[in-house]
């Protein structure tokens, strides 16, 4: 799949400086940023869901010491 992204002059300079500095193609840099954003949103959603379950007594947490006792 091909995707076109239009950058103004300032955005183009910033993008070129970043990609040159990091040895990336613009395509790879944008692809990486896109999927990092998706991963971040997934992590936030998962954390919110688990926190809600914990606050409603549906999840139990264990201390390090409790875990160590379980596996002795």
Protein backbone atom coordinates (compact mmCIF):
# COMPACT_ATOMS: atom_id res chain seq x y z
CA UNK A 1 0.00 0.00 0.00
CA UNK A 2 1.23 3.47 -0.81
CA UNK A 3 0.35 6.50 1.27
CA UNK A 4 1.05 10.12 0.39
CA UNK A 5 1.82 12.68 3.05
CA UNK A 6 2.12 16.35 2.20
CA UNK A 7 4.48 18.46 4.30
CA UNK A 8 4.87 22.21 4.29
CA UNK A 9 8.39 23.65 3.95
CA UNK A 10 9.03 23.80 7.71
CA UNK A 11 7.75 20.25 8.26
CA UNK A 12 9.91 19.00 5.39
CA UNK A 13 13.06 20.58 6.89
CA UNK A 14 12.31 19.10 10.31
CA UNK A 15 11.61 15.67 8.80
CA UNK A 16 14.77 15.72 6.67
CA UNK A 17 16.92 16.80 9.62
CA UNK A 18 15.49 14.01 11.77
CA UNK A 19 15.86 11.30 9.16
CA UNK A 20 19.38 12.38 8.20
CA UNK A 21 20.46 12.52 11.84
CA UNK A 22 19.04 9.05 12.53
CA UNK A 23 20.02 7.36 9.26
CA UNK A 24 16.42 6.61 8.32
CA UNK A 25 14.38 7.02 5.20
CA UNK A 26 11.40 9.31 5.56
CA UNK A 27 9.15 6.34 4.80
CA UNK A 28 10.64 4.22 7.60
CA UNK A 29 10.59 7.10 10.07
CA UNK A 30 6.90 7.77 9.43
CA UNK A 31 6.02 4.08 9.51
CA UNK A 32 7.84 3.68 12.85
CA UNK A 33 6.14 6.74 14.33
CA UNK A 34 2.72 5.54 13.17
CA UNK A 35 3.08 2.10 14.72
CA UNK A 36 4.61 3.50 17.93
CA UNK A 37 1.50 5.67 18.29
CA UNK A 38 -0.74 2.63 17.81
CA UNK A 39 1.28 0.70 20.41
CA UNK A 40 1.12 3.61 22.88
CA UNK A 41 -2.66 3.85 22.52
CA UNK A 42 -3.00 0.08 22.98
CA UNK A 43 -0.85 0.23 26.12
CA UNK A 44 -2.95 3.06 27.56
CA UNK A 45 -6.21 1.24 26.80
CA UNK A 46 -4.93 -1.98 28.36
CA UNK A 47 -3.63 -0.17 31.44
CA UNK A 48 -6.92 1.69 31.90
CA UNK A 49 -8.89 -1.56 31.58
CA UNK A 50 -6.69 -3.39 34.08
CA UNK A 51 -6.70 -0.48 36.52
CA UNK A 52 -10.49 -0.41 36.36
CA UNK A 53 -10.62 -4.16 37.07
CA UNK A 54 -8.18 -3.74 40.00
CA UNK A 55 -10.17 -0.85 41.47
CA UNK A 56 -13.35 -2.92 41.25
CA UNK A 57 -11.79 -5.91 43.01
CA UNK A 58 -11.61 -8.05 39.87
CA UNK A 59 -7.79 -8.27 39.80
CA UNK A 60 -5.40 -9.26 42.58
CA UNK A 61 -1.86 -8.01 42.86
CA UNK A 62 1.06 -9.69 44.61
CA UNK A 63 4.20 -8.35 46.19
CA UNK A 64 7.60 -9.62 45.10
CA UNK A 65 7.86 -11.54 48.37
CA UNK A 66 4.47 -13.22 47.81
CA UNK A 67 5.51 -14.31 44.32
CA UNK A 68 8.81 -15.71 45.62
CA UNK A 69 6.93 -17.77 48.26
CA UNK A 70 4.63 -19.17 45.56
CA UNK A 71 7.53 -20.58 43.60
CA UNK A 72 9.56 -22.09 46.45
